[in-house]
Protein backbone atom coordinates (compact mmCIF):
# COMPACT_ATOMS: atom_id res chain seq x y z
CA MET A 1 -76.25 77.70 -61.46
CA LEU A 2 -78.66 74.85 -61.24
CA THR A 3 -78.49 72.23 -63.92
CA ALA A 4 -80.37 69.18 -65.00
CA ALA A 5 -79.45 66.21 -67.02
CA TYR A 6 -81.68 63.72 -68.98
CA ALA A 7 -80.70 60.24 -70.11
CA ARG A 8 -82.66 57.61 -71.86
CA TYR A 9 -82.14 54.15 -73.70
CA SER A 10 -84.70 52.61 -75.89
CA SER A 11 -84.71 48.76 -75.82
CA ASP A 12 -85.02 46.39 -72.90
CA GLN A 13 -82.13 44.56 -74.63
CA GLN A 14 -79.85 47.32 -73.74
CA ARG A 15 -78.27 47.93 -70.29
CA ASP A 16 -78.88 50.25 -67.56
CA ALA A 17 -75.18 51.14 -68.02
CA SER A 18 -76.28 53.03 -71.02
CA LEU A 19 -77.86 55.54 -68.59
CA ASP A 20 -74.64 55.82 -66.50
CA ASP A 21 -72.64 56.42 -69.49
CA GLN A 22 -74.61 59.31 -70.55
CA LEU A 23 -75.04 60.80 -67.27
CA ARG A 24 -71.36 60.52 -66.56
CA ASN A 25 -70.76 62.62 -69.74
CA CYS A 26 -73.07 65.19 -68.36
CA ARG A 27 -71.43 65.32 -64.97
CA ALA A 28 -68.06 65.71 -66.49
CA TYR A 29 -69.36 68.46 -68.65
CA CYS A 30 -70.62 70.39 -65.50
CA ALA A 31 -67.24 69.83 -63.72
CA ARG A 32 -65.44 71.28 -66.70
CA GLN A 33 -67.59 74.33 -66.47
CA GLY A 34 -67.35 74.67 -62.76
CA TRP A 35 -71.12 74.00 -62.39
CA PRO A 36 -72.80 71.97 -59.62
CA ALA A 37 -73.57 68.36 -60.39
CA PRO A 38 -76.91 68.10 -62.29
CA VAL A 39 -80.34 66.85 -61.17
CA GLU A 40 -80.77 63.60 -63.10
CA TYR A 41 -83.84 62.52 -64.89
CA THR A 42 -83.94 59.04 -66.76
CA ASP A 43 -86.30 56.78 -68.69
CA ALA A 44 -85.03 53.15 -69.30
CA ALA A 45 -86.22 50.91 -71.94
CA THR A 46 -88.41 53.57 -73.44
CA SER A 47 -88.58 54.68 -77.14
CA GLY A 48 -87.59 58.13 -77.99
CA ALA A 49 -90.49 58.24 -80.24
CA ARG A 50 -92.92 58.54 -77.37
CA ASN A 51 -93.59 61.70 -75.69
CA ASP A 52 -95.36 60.30 -72.60
CA ARG A 53 -92.11 59.09 -70.97
CA ALA A 54 -92.41 59.63 -67.26
CA GLY A 55 -88.87 61.17 -66.78
CA TYR A 56 -89.13 63.31 -69.86
CA ARG A 57 -92.38 64.74 -68.73
CA ARG A 58 -91.14 65.38 -65.26
CA LEU A 59 -88.09 67.16 -66.81
CA LEU A 60 -90.34 69.49 -68.89
CA ALA A 61 -92.47 70.11 -65.77
CA ASP A 62 -89.47 71.14 -63.71
CA ALA A 63 -87.63 72.80 -66.40
CA SER A 64 -88.26 76.33 -65.05
CA ARG A 65 -86.07 75.49 -61.94
CA TYR A 66 -82.92 75.11 -63.92
CA ALA A 67 -80.58 77.25 -65.93
CA VAL A 68 -79.25 74.58 -68.12
CA VAL A 69 -80.49 71.15 -69.32
CA LEU A 70 -77.89 68.74 -70.52
CA VAL A 71 -78.27 65.55 -72.75
CA ASP A 72 -75.66 63.30 -74.07
CA ASP A 73 -77.06 64.06 -77.59
CA LEU A 74 -80.31 65.39 -78.88
CA SER A 75 -81.62 61.99 -79.93
CA ARG A 76 -81.87 61.23 -76.14
CA LEU A 77 -84.46 63.95 -75.69
CA SER A 78 -86.68 62.77 -78.64
CA ARG A 79 -86.42 60.89 -81.96
CA ASP A 80 -89.47 62.64 -83.33
CA SER A 81 -88.49 65.93 -85.01
CA ALA A 82 -91.64 67.75 -84.26
CA GLU A 83 -91.55 66.69 -80.53
CA CYS A 84 -87.81 67.53 -80.46
CA ALA A 85 -88.49 71.01 -81.73
CA MET A 86 -91.49 71.51 -79.38
CA ALA A 87 -89.41 70.44 -76.32
CA VAL A 88 -86.67 73.04 -77.35
CA ARG A 89 -89.13 75.69 -77.73
CA ARG A 90 -90.67 75.00 -74.21
CA LEU A 91 -87.31 75.08 -72.67
CA LYS A 92 -86.38 78.35 -74.46
CA PHE A 93 -89.70 79.80 -73.30
CA ALA A 94 -88.80 78.96 -69.73
CA GLY A 95 -85.46 80.55 -70.18
CA VAL A 96 -83.55 77.24 -69.92
CA ARG A 97 -80.45 76.65 -72.04
CA LEU A 98 -80.32 73.18 -73.74
CA ILE A 99 -76.88 71.53 -74.25
CA GLY A 100 -75.96 68.35 -76.09
CA VAL A 101 -72.63 67.42 -74.70
CA GLY A 102 -71.79 64.85 -77.31
CA ASP A 103 -73.32 66.46 -80.48
CA GLY A 104 -72.36 70.11 -79.81
CA VAL A 105 -76.09 71.40 -79.85
CA ASP A 106 -76.39 74.56 -77.87
CA THR A 107 -79.53 76.75 -77.75
CA ALA A 108 -77.36 79.71 -76.61
CA ARG A 109 -76.03 79.78 -80.16
CA LYS A 110 -77.91 81.69 -82.83
CA SER A 111 -77.62 78.60 -85.22
CA HIS A 112 -79.14 76.29 -82.82
CA LYS A 113 -82.48 76.09 -84.70
CA ALA A 114 -80.74 74.55 -87.73
CA ASP A 115 -78.80 72.24 -85.43
CA VAL A 116 -81.95 71.02 -83.73
CA GLY A 117 -84.02 70.70 -86.99
CA LEU A 118 -81.40 68.78 -88.90
CA ARG A 119 -80.58 66.44 -85.91
CA GLY A 120 -84.18 65.83 -85.05
CA LEU A 121 -84.95 65.02 -88.73
CA MET A 122 -81.86 62.60 -88.71
CA SER A 123 -83.26 60.82 -85.65
CA GLU A 124 -86.68 60.46 -87.23
CA LEU A 125 -85.27 59.13 -90.51
CA TYR A 126 -83.16 56.67 -88.45
CA LEU A 127 -86.26 55.21 -86.83
CA ASP A 128 -88.08 54.94 -90.23
CA ASP A 129 -85.21 53.33 -91.86
CA LEU A 130 -84.70 50.92 -89.01
CA ALA A 131 -88.30 49.94 -89.15
CA GLU A 132 -88.37 49.45 -92.89
CA LYS A 133 -85.24 47.26 -92.65
CA THR A 134 -86.57 45.24 -89.78
CA HIS A 135 -89.91 44.60 -91.57
CA ARG A 136 -88.01 43.79 -94.85
CA GLY A 137 -85.92 41.09 -92.95
CA LEU A 138 -88.89 39.65 -91.15
CA THR A 139 -90.75 39.44 -94.45
CA GLY A 140 -87.95 37.32 -95.73
CA ARG A 141 -88.08 35.01 -92.80
CA ALA A 142 -91.80 34.57 -93.14
CA LEU A 143 -91.69 33.85 -96.98
CA GLN A 144 -89.01 31.19 -96.13
CA GLY A 145 -91.36 29.65 -93.60
CA ALA A 146 -89.34 30.67 -90.59
CA SER A 147 -90.64 32.36 -87.47
CA ALA A 148 -91.10 35.95 -87.98
CA GLY A 149 -91.43 36.91 -84.25
CA GLY A 150 -93.01 35.45 -81.05
CA LEU A 151 -92.99 31.88 -80.00
CA PRO A 152 -96.57 30.62 -79.48
CA TYR A 153 -97.70 28.44 -76.56
CA GLY A 154 -97.00 24.71 -77.40
CA TYR A 155 -93.67 25.34 -79.08
CA ARG A 156 -89.93 25.56 -78.06
CA VAL A 157 -86.85 26.54 -79.82
CA SER A 158 -84.71 23.58 -80.79
CA ALA A 159 -80.89 23.43 -80.62
CA VAL A 160 -80.50 24.50 -84.23
CA GLY A 161 -82.79 27.62 -83.66
CA GLN A 162 -86.02 26.07 -85.14
CA ARG A 163 -89.47 25.76 -83.73
CA VAL A 164 -90.48 22.26 -82.62
CA ILE A 165 -93.42 21.05 -80.73
CA ASP A 166 -93.26 21.05 -76.85
CA ASP A 167 -95.09 17.90 -76.01
CA GLY A 168 -96.19 18.94 -72.56
CA GLN A 169 -97.72 22.20 -73.77
CA ALA A 170 -99.24 20.59 -76.93
CA ALA A 171 -101.08 18.15 -74.73
CA VAL A 172 -102.67 21.30 -73.04
CA VAL A 173 -103.54 22.83 -76.36
CA ARG A 174 -105.13 19.56 -77.36
CA ARG A 175 -107.15 19.52 -74.07
CA ILE A 176 -108.38 23.04 -74.60
CA TYR A 177 -109.55 22.38 -78.16
CA ALA A 178 -111.30 19.10 -77.02
CA ALA A 179 -112.95 20.87 -73.92
CA TYR A 180 -114.15 23.75 -76.09
CA ILE A 181 -115.57 21.42 -78.93
CA ALA A 182 -117.33 19.53 -76.17
CA GLY A 183 -119.18 22.61 -74.96
CA GLN A 184 -117.24 24.07 -72.23
CA SER A 185 -116.73 27.80 -72.05
CA PRO A 186 -113.31 29.34 -72.06
CA ARG A 187 -113.75 30.65 -68.51
CA ALA A 188 -114.56 27.03 -67.25
CA ILE A 189 -111.55 25.80 -69.24
CA ALA A 190 -109.36 28.57 -67.74
CA ASP A 191 -110.73 27.62 -64.06
CA ALA A 192 -110.01 24.04 -64.58
CA LEU A 193 -106.52 24.61 -65.75
CA ASN A 194 -105.91 27.05 -62.75
CA ARG A 195 -107.34 24.50 -60.22
CA GLU A 196 -104.83 22.01 -61.53
CA ARG A 197 -102.05 24.70 -61.33
CA VAL A 198 -101.18 24.29 -65.19
CA PRO A 199 -98.79 27.02 -65.92
CA SER A 200 -100.12 29.61 -68.41
CA PRO A 201 -98.27 30.84 -71.45
CA ARG A 202 -96.72 33.61 -69.17
CA GLY A 203 -96.27 31.38 -66.17
CA SER A 204 -99.06 32.75 -64.16
CA THR A 205 -102.87 31.85 -64.29
CA TRP A 206 -104.94 31.15 -67.26
CA ALA A 207 -107.40 33.95 -68.40
CA MET A 208 -110.46 33.45 -70.64
CA SER A 209 -108.98 35.83 -73.11
CA VAL A 210 -105.83 33.85 -73.53
CA ILE A 211 -107.93 30.76 -74.55
CA TYR A 212 -110.51 32.56 -76.62
CA GLY A 213 -108.10 34.87 -78.38
CA ASP A 214 -108.94 37.15 -81.27
CA THR A 215 -109.67 35.78 -84.80
CA ALA A 216 -109.13 38.98 -86.44
CA ARG A 217 -105.58 39.11 -85.14
CA GLY A 218 -104.97 35.42 -85.00
CA ILE A 219 -103.87 35.29 -81.39
CA GLY A 220 -104.96 33.12 -78.48
CA ILE A 221 -105.15 29.24 -78.27
CA LEU A 222 -108.43 28.84 -80.19
CA ALA A 223 -107.73 31.54 -82.87
CA ASN A 224 -104.17 30.93 -83.89
CA PRO A 225 -103.86 28.77 -86.99
CA ILE A 226 -100.30 27.71 -86.31
CA TYR A 227 -101.91 24.99 -84.27
CA VAL A 228 -103.13 23.52 -87.50
CA GLY A 229 -99.76 23.88 -89.12
CA ARG A 230 -100.59 27.26 -90.80
CA GLN A 231 -98.47 30.43 -90.21
CA VAL A 232 -100.03 33.74 -91.02
CA TRP A 233 -97.90 36.83 -90.72
CA ASN A 234 -98.21 40.50 -91.63
CA ARG A 235 -101.91 40.78 -90.37
CA SER A 236 -101.19 44.00 -88.64
CA ARG A 237 -98.80 46.90 -88.24
CA TRP A 238 -98.00 49.28 -85.49
CA VAL A 239 -98.33 53.09 -86.05
CA LYS A 240 -97.37 55.85 -83.68
CA HIS A 241 -100.21 58.11 -82.30
CA PRO A 242 -99.55 61.62 -83.41
CA ASP A 243 -100.40 63.05 -79.91
CA THR A 244 -99.17 60.61 -77.43
CA GLY A 245 -96.36 58.95 -79.29
CA ARG A 246 -97.82 55.35 -78.32
CA ARG A 247 -97.78 52.65 -80.73
CA LEU A 248 -101.25 51.44 -81.89
CA ARG A 249 -101.97 48.21 -83.88
CA GLN A 250 -103.73 48.74 -87.24
CA ASN A 251 -105.06 45.76 -89.29
CA ARG A 252 -103.50 45.32 -92.81
CA PRO A 253 -105.67 44.25 -95.80
CA GLU A 254 -105.64 40.42 -96.30
CA ALA A 255 -103.85 40.83 -99.55
CA GLU A 256 -100.75 41.78 -97.51
CA TRP A 257 -100.84 38.77 -95.29
CA ILE A 258 -98.01 36.13 -95.85
CA THR A 259 -99.33 32.61 -95.25
CA THR A 260 -97.09 29.64 -95.19
CA GLU A 261 -97.87 25.85 -94.36
CA HIS A 262 -95.94 23.93 -91.74
CA PRO A 263 -97.47 20.43 -91.21
CA GLU A 264 -94.63 19.53 -88.91
CA LEU A 265 -95.85 22.21 -86.43
CA ALA A 266 -99.56 21.05 -86.46
CA ILE A 267 -100.64 20.01 -82.90
CA ILE A 268 -104.37 19.47 -83.82
CA ASP A 269 -105.76 18.10 -87.11
CA ALA A 270 -107.88 20.08 -89.64
CA ALA A 271 -111.20 18.71 -88.19
CA THR A 272 -110.50 19.75 -84.87
CA TRP A 273 -109.61 23.20 -86.03
CA SER A 274 -112.64 23.69 -88.17
CA ALA A 275 -114.98 22.46 -85.39
CA ALA A 276 -113.50 25.10 -83.06
CA GLN A 277 -113.84 27.76 -85.53
CA ALA A 278 -117.33 26.97 -86.36
CA ARG A 279 -118.34 27.20 -82.59
CA ILE A 280 -116.40 30.50 -82.36
CA ARG A 281 -118.45 31.84 -85.30
CA GLY A 282 -121.53 30.71 -83.72
CA ALA A 283 -120.72 32.34 -80.33
CA ARG A 284 -119.72 35.64 -82.03
CA PRO A 285 -122.70 36.56 -84.13
CA LYS A 286 -122.07 39.73 -86.35
CA ARG A 287 -124.70 42.37 -85.60
CA LYS A 288 -125.22 45.09 -88.06
CA GLY A 289 -124.65 48.61 -86.89
CA THR A 290 -122.40 47.56 -84.03
CA PRO A 291 -118.99 49.10 -84.41
CA HIS A 292 -115.87 47.20 -83.64
CA ALA A 293 -114.66 48.10 -80.19
CA GLY A 294 -111.05 48.58 -81.01
CA PRO A 295 -108.09 49.51 -78.79
CA GLY A 296 -108.27 52.95 -77.24
CA ARG A 297 -112.11 53.04 -76.75
CA PRO A 298 -112.77 55.02 -73.64
CA PRO A 299 -114.52 53.27 -70.62
CA ARG A 300 -118.38 53.49 -70.98
CA HIS A 301 -118.95 53.18 -67.17
CA LEU A 302 -118.20 55.73 -64.47
CA LEU A 303 -116.14 53.32 -62.08
CA SER A 304 -114.61 50.89 -64.66
CA GLY A 305 -110.99 50.67 -63.85
CA LEU A 306 -111.23 52.53 -60.40
CA LEU A 307 -112.95 49.77 -58.50
CA ARG A 308 -110.61 46.91 -56.90
CA CYS A 309 -111.84 43.60 -55.57
CA ALA A 310 -111.11 43.18 -51.86
CA CYS A 311 -110.24 39.52 -52.34
CA CYS A 312 -107.60 39.50 -54.93
CA GLY A 313 -106.87 43.20 -55.59
CA GLY A 314 -107.98 42.83 -59.33
CA ALA A 315 -110.00 45.41 -61.25
CA MET A 316 -113.88 45.26 -60.91
CA VAL A 317 -115.46 45.76 -64.21
CA VAL A 318 -119.09 45.55 -65.60
CA VAL A 319 -119.55 41.87 -65.90
CA ASP A 320 -123.13 41.99 -67.15
CA ARG A 321 -125.63 44.61 -68.09
CA TYR A 322 -126.34 45.83 -64.58
CA ARG A 323 -123.46 44.90 -62.23
CA TYR A 324 -119.85 45.28 -61.31
CA GLY A 325 -117.73 42.26 -60.51
CA CYS A 326 -114.25 41.01 -60.26
CA SER A 327 -112.51 40.78 -63.54
CA THR A 328 -110.08 38.18 -62.23
CA HIS A 329 -112.97 35.86 -61.15
CA LYS A 330 -114.76 36.43 -64.45
CA ASP A 331 -111.73 35.75 -66.70
CA ARG A 332 -109.66 33.26 -64.67
CA GLY A 333 -112.25 31.42 -62.65
CA GLU A 334 -112.85 30.73 -58.92
CA SER A 335 -109.48 29.23 -58.47
CA ALA A 336 -107.78 32.48 -59.24
CA CYS A 337 -110.29 34.59 -57.11
CA PRO A 338 -113.15 33.12 -55.13
CA SER A 339 -115.17 36.28 -54.85
CA ARG A 340 -118.65 36.07 -56.52
CA LEU A 341 -119.54 39.61 -55.30
CA ARG A 342 -121.81 41.51 -57.71
CA VAL A 343 -122.44 45.02 -57.05
CA PRO A 344 -125.30 47.02 -58.70
CA ARG A 345 -123.76 49.30 -61.08
CA THR A 346 -126.27 52.36 -60.84
CA ALA A 347 -126.69 52.02 -57.02
CA LEU A 348 -122.94 52.04 -56.34
CA GLU A 349 -122.36 54.94 -58.81
CA ASP A 350 -125.26 56.97 -57.48
CA ALA A 351 -123.98 56.35 -53.84
CA LEU A 352 -120.49 57.17 -54.53
CA LEU A 353 -121.37 60.45 -56.37
CA ALA A 354 -123.74 61.40 -53.62
CA ALA A 355 -121.11 60.85 -50.98
CA VAL A 356 -118.60 62.92 -53.08
CA ARG A 357 -120.92 65.84 -53.45
CA GLU A 358 -122.22 65.76 -50.03
CA GLN A 359 -119.03 65.11 -48.02
CA LEU A 360 -116.14 66.37 -50.22
CA LEU A 361 -117.41 68.94 -52.55
CA THR A 362 -118.53 71.32 -49.58
CA ASP A 363 -117.11 74.84 -48.63
CA ALA A 364 -116.07 73.28 -45.20
CA SER A 365 -114.24 70.30 -46.95
CA PHE A 366 -112.49 72.84 -49.27
CA GLN A 367 -111.24 75.00 -46.46
CA ARG A 368 -109.78 71.97 -44.76
CA LEU A 369 -108.02 71.06 -47.98
CA GLN A 370 -106.67 74.79 -48.08
CA ARG A 371 -105.37 74.49 -44.59
CA ALA A 372 -103.82 71.17 -45.29
CA VAL A 373 -102.02 72.26 -48.42
CA ALA A 374 -100.92 75.50 -46.75
CA ASP A 375 -99.33 73.53 -44.09
CA ALA A 376 -97.73 71.10 -46.36
CA LEU A 377 -96.27 74.05 -48.55
CA LYS A 378 -95.03 75.70 -45.35
CA ARG A 379 -93.29 72.48 -44.33
CA ALA A 380 -91.85 72.17 -47.82
CA MET A 381 -90.23 75.62 -47.66
CA PRO A 382 -86.47 75.26 -48.16
CA ASP A 383 -84.40 75.88 -44.89
CA THR A 384 -82.18 78.77 -45.74
CA SER A 385 -80.29 78.82 -42.39
CA THR A 386 -78.46 75.58 -43.57
CA LEU A 387 -77.82 77.25 -46.98
CA GLN A 388 -76.50 80.42 -45.11
CA ARG A 389 -74.01 78.21 -43.15
CA ALA A 390 -72.76 76.55 -46.31
CA LEU A 391 -72.27 79.91 -47.88
CA ALA A 392 -70.39 81.17 -44.82
CA VAL A 393 -67.96 78.18 -44.89
CA ALA A 394 -67.45 78.57 -48.60
CA GLU A 395 -66.78 82.43 -48.33
CA ARG A 396 -64.46 81.73 -45.37
CA VAL A 397 -62.45 79.15 -47.56
CA ARG A 398 -62.24 81.63 -50.56
CA GLY A 399 -61.06 84.35 -48.08
CA ASN A 400 -58.40 82.16 -46.68
CA ILE A 401 -57.09 81.56 -50.19
CA LEU A 402 -57.21 85.14 -51.30
CA ALA A 403 -55.15 86.08 -48.09
CA ALA A 404 -52.55 83.47 -48.86
CA LEU A 405 -52.28 85.03 -52.28
CA ARG A 406 -51.96 88.55 -50.95
CA ALA A 407 -49.23 87.13 -48.48
CA GLY A 408 -47.30 85.80 -51.56
CA ILE A 409 -48.07 82.10 -50.62
CA ILE A 410 -48.55 80.48 -54.13
CA THR A 411 -48.38 76.82 -54.85
CA PRO A 412 -49.01 74.62 -57.89
CA SER A 413 -52.60 73.91 -56.66
CA THR A 414 -53.59 77.41 -55.66
CA GLN A 415 -55.41 78.26 -58.83
CA ALA A 416 -57.44 75.20 -58.80
CA GLU A 417 -58.38 75.56 -55.09
CA LEU A 418 -59.33 79.18 -55.81
CA LEU A 419 -61.52 78.04 -58.76
CA ALA A 420 -63.13 75.32 -56.63
CA ALA A 421 -63.77 77.88 -53.83
CA GLU A 422 -65.35 80.33 -56.20
CA ALA A 423 -67.52 77.57 -57.62
CA ALA A 424 -68.66 76.67 -53.95
CA VAL A 425 -69.54 80.13 -53.16
CA LYS A 426 -71.53 80.50 -56.37
CA GLN A 427 -73.30 77.27 -55.89
CA ALA A 428 -74.35 78.25 -52.32
CA SER A 429 -75.36 81.71 -53.49
CA ASP A 430 -77.52 80.30 -56.28
CA ALA A 431 -79.19 77.92 -53.79
CA ILE A 432 -80.12 80.55 -51.47
CA THR A 433 -81.53 82.74 -54.38
CA SER A 434 -83.54 79.93 -55.52
CA ALA A 435 -84.85 79.24 -52.01
CA ARG A 436 -85.83 82.92 -51.69
CA HIS A 437 -87.64 82.79 -54.94
CA HIS A 438 -89.59 79.71 -53.81
CA GLN A 439 -93.25 81.28 -53.74
CA PRO A 440 -95.82 78.45 -53.67
CA ALA A 441 -98.57 80.77 -52.70
CA HIS A 442 -100.02 80.62 -56.19
CA VAL A 443 -100.98 76.96 -55.71
CA ILE A 444 -103.95 78.05 -53.44
CA PRO A 445 -105.81 80.12 -55.98
CA ARG A 446 -105.36 77.35 -58.51
CA LEU A 447 -106.56 74.94 -56.02
CA ARG A 448 -109.92 76.75 -55.88
CA GLU A 449 -110.06 76.79 -59.74
CA ARG A 450 -109.44 73.00 -59.82
CA TRP A 451 -112.10 72.45 -57.28
CA HIS A 452 -114.74 74.26 -59.20
CA ALA A 453 -113.72 72.32 -62.34
CA ILE A 454 -114.20 68.96 -60.56
CA VAL A 455 -117.52 70.14 -59.24
CA THR A 456 -118.53 71.11 -62.81
CA ASP A 457 -117.46 67.78 -64.34
CA LEU A 458 -119.29 65.60 -61.71
CA ALA A 459 -122.44 67.70 -62.28
CA ASN A 460 -122.17 66.86 -65.93
CA VAL A 461 -121.75 63.09 -65.33
CA THR A 462 -124.60 61.82 -67.45
CA ARG A 463 -123.20 64.08 -70.46
CA ASP A 464 -119.52 63.45 -70.29
CA ILE A 465 -118.46 60.12 -68.52
CA PRO A 466 -114.71 60.57 -69.39
CA ALA A 467 -114.67 63.97 -67.75
CA ALA A 468 -116.44 62.69 -64.67
CA ARG A 469 -114.01 59.80 -64.40
CA ASN A 470 -111.03 62.08 -64.43
CA ALA A 471 -112.61 64.16 -61.78
CA LEU A 472 -113.19 61.13 -59.68
CA ARG A 473 -109.70 59.91 -60.19
CA ASP A 474 -108.42 63.35 -59.08
CA LEU A 475 -110.43 63.29 -55.93
CA LEU A 476 -110.09 59.49 -55.07
CA GLY A 477 -107.33 57.96 -56.75
CA GLU A 478 -107.55 54.73 -58.61
CA ARG A 479 -108.29 52.23 -55.89
CA ILE A 480 -111.74 51.88 -54.55
CA THR A 481 -111.95 48.56 -52.71
CA VAL A 482 -115.33 46.93 -52.54
CA ALA A 483 -116.26 44.23 -50.00
CA PRO A 484 -119.14 43.19 -47.61
CA ASN A 485 -118.55 43.74 -43.84
CA GLU A 486 -119.36 41.33 -41.05
CA ASN A 487 -123.13 42.33 -41.22
CA GLY A 488 -123.27 41.75 -45.02
CA ASP A 489 -123.38 45.27 -45.91
CA LEU A 490 -121.18 46.53 -48.84
CA ILE A 491 -118.35 48.80 -47.82
CA ALA A 492 -116.49 50.72 -50.44
CA GLU A 493 -113.11 51.84 -49.02
CA VAL A 494 -111.67 54.59 -51.03
CA ALA A 495 -108.00 55.29 -50.38
CA ALA A 496 -105.90 57.74 -52.29
CA SER A 497 -102.39 59.30 -51.50
CA GLU A 498 -103.78 62.50 -50.02
CA LEU A 499 -107.39 61.44 -49.22
CA GLN A 500 -108.49 58.67 -46.76
CA ILE A 501 -112.15 58.09 -47.33
CA ASN A 502 -114.61 55.44 -46.20
CA MET A 503 -117.84 54.99 -47.55
CA VAL A 504 -120.37 52.50 -45.99
CA ALA A 505 -122.78 51.10 -48.57
CA GLY A 506 -125.51 49.12 -47.07
CA ALA A 507 -129.14 48.77 -48.14
CA GLY A 508 -129.38 52.53 -48.51
CA PHE A 509 -125.76 53.10 -49.52
CA GLU A 510 -125.37 55.81 -46.76
CA PRO A 511 -121.95 57.44 -46.91
CA ALA A 512 -119.95 57.75 -43.69
CA THR A 513 -117.97 60.78 -42.78
CA PHE A 514 -115.18 61.85 -45.22
CA GLY A 515 -112.02 63.36 -43.97
CA LEU A 516 -108.96 65.01 -45.53
């Protein structure tokens, strides 16, 4: 009987030992039942309210391989009642039994729906209650003038747990404000700080966004009112997306903000703050009819997020209306990445699409892919000869024990040895059965179906950018490195886990030969 075990813990303040504890309970349960040790799936420091956990998704995808899935308790599987119920239905549909070794949930029982429903609801209520109590406590701290989370750059925690000004970082903050008021751009300020190797708030290099910030959220050096001695808390809240389970920020109405004055924390004076805010307002004119580009807005350009700078490895994004360029150079300055390369957007997109259509999306290329996949599947077929030898050994041991019993040779350990031998025979037999049912041939027809879907998505690139981006990602991966060669021609090297593709982009952006 093939089994799997899933373990998870939520906070990065917990320990990996939590996973070991959960898995140890699952292994012990398997041992008591005479089952083989389970295949283990884990997610560390990941909330159970999210359904995009990597280990969790792999478990659901692989579930049909197993007869039983074990969890320490049902809350490890999910803390969302609807997601938990859906996961149980998926497992039941795949013929998989779910067992909570600690809380007694067992989908083999007729009453399991009540158990799953009640425990899922209890887990969800636990999260709601925890969030409410946490927010209540932070509200109390904010009303008392204490920090309600996060330590902005320019401050440190004193021996008595209070925020105090860090003189070294405060000098950098004053320098940023002075330079910005004097007319320097955030990009130029970041570049100067990086040239002097001044540590950023996170200890790496300075980025334009860290300096410019976001006035709506009150974050960033130039946008955070704490630097003038004013703390504003409760500007936003985090809500869970109903489909992905990811947390998204939503702005709260200004009436719910909690503002307290802390003159002892002021690093700049009111005149400096006002001058900086006036320049920010002038640099960010509000245009009617322009919607706010909030979080989660899909990329508007075909290759955004897929291109990589050959100099620093950073993402290449649209840096102006017509060209792709290195985002690191754009946001952090020349000291962080010296690449000034600018690639015409439409020329690169057209050349890449033409190369893909002409060299990859052909019948000859697909036939090569079919052969490569068939060879890979053949190599991945389980070796039943090794399993047959293991079964023969297990049966021989069992036969010896049975022969001893017939001869009247009985010891205190005979029963345990016989049970262990029977379990070994069953495990070997199950492994052979699983290997014989390993039928990967269905992959090939689905390959053709996926191939046609990619062709269709790329044909509709002008009408559906997200679908075309996904199609390119499936074909090419997410790393297309762009750089000039020794002749000055642009070369886009496209490397994915299963595809090794080179595209030479010169004056005419003519593609080189593609290979699988």
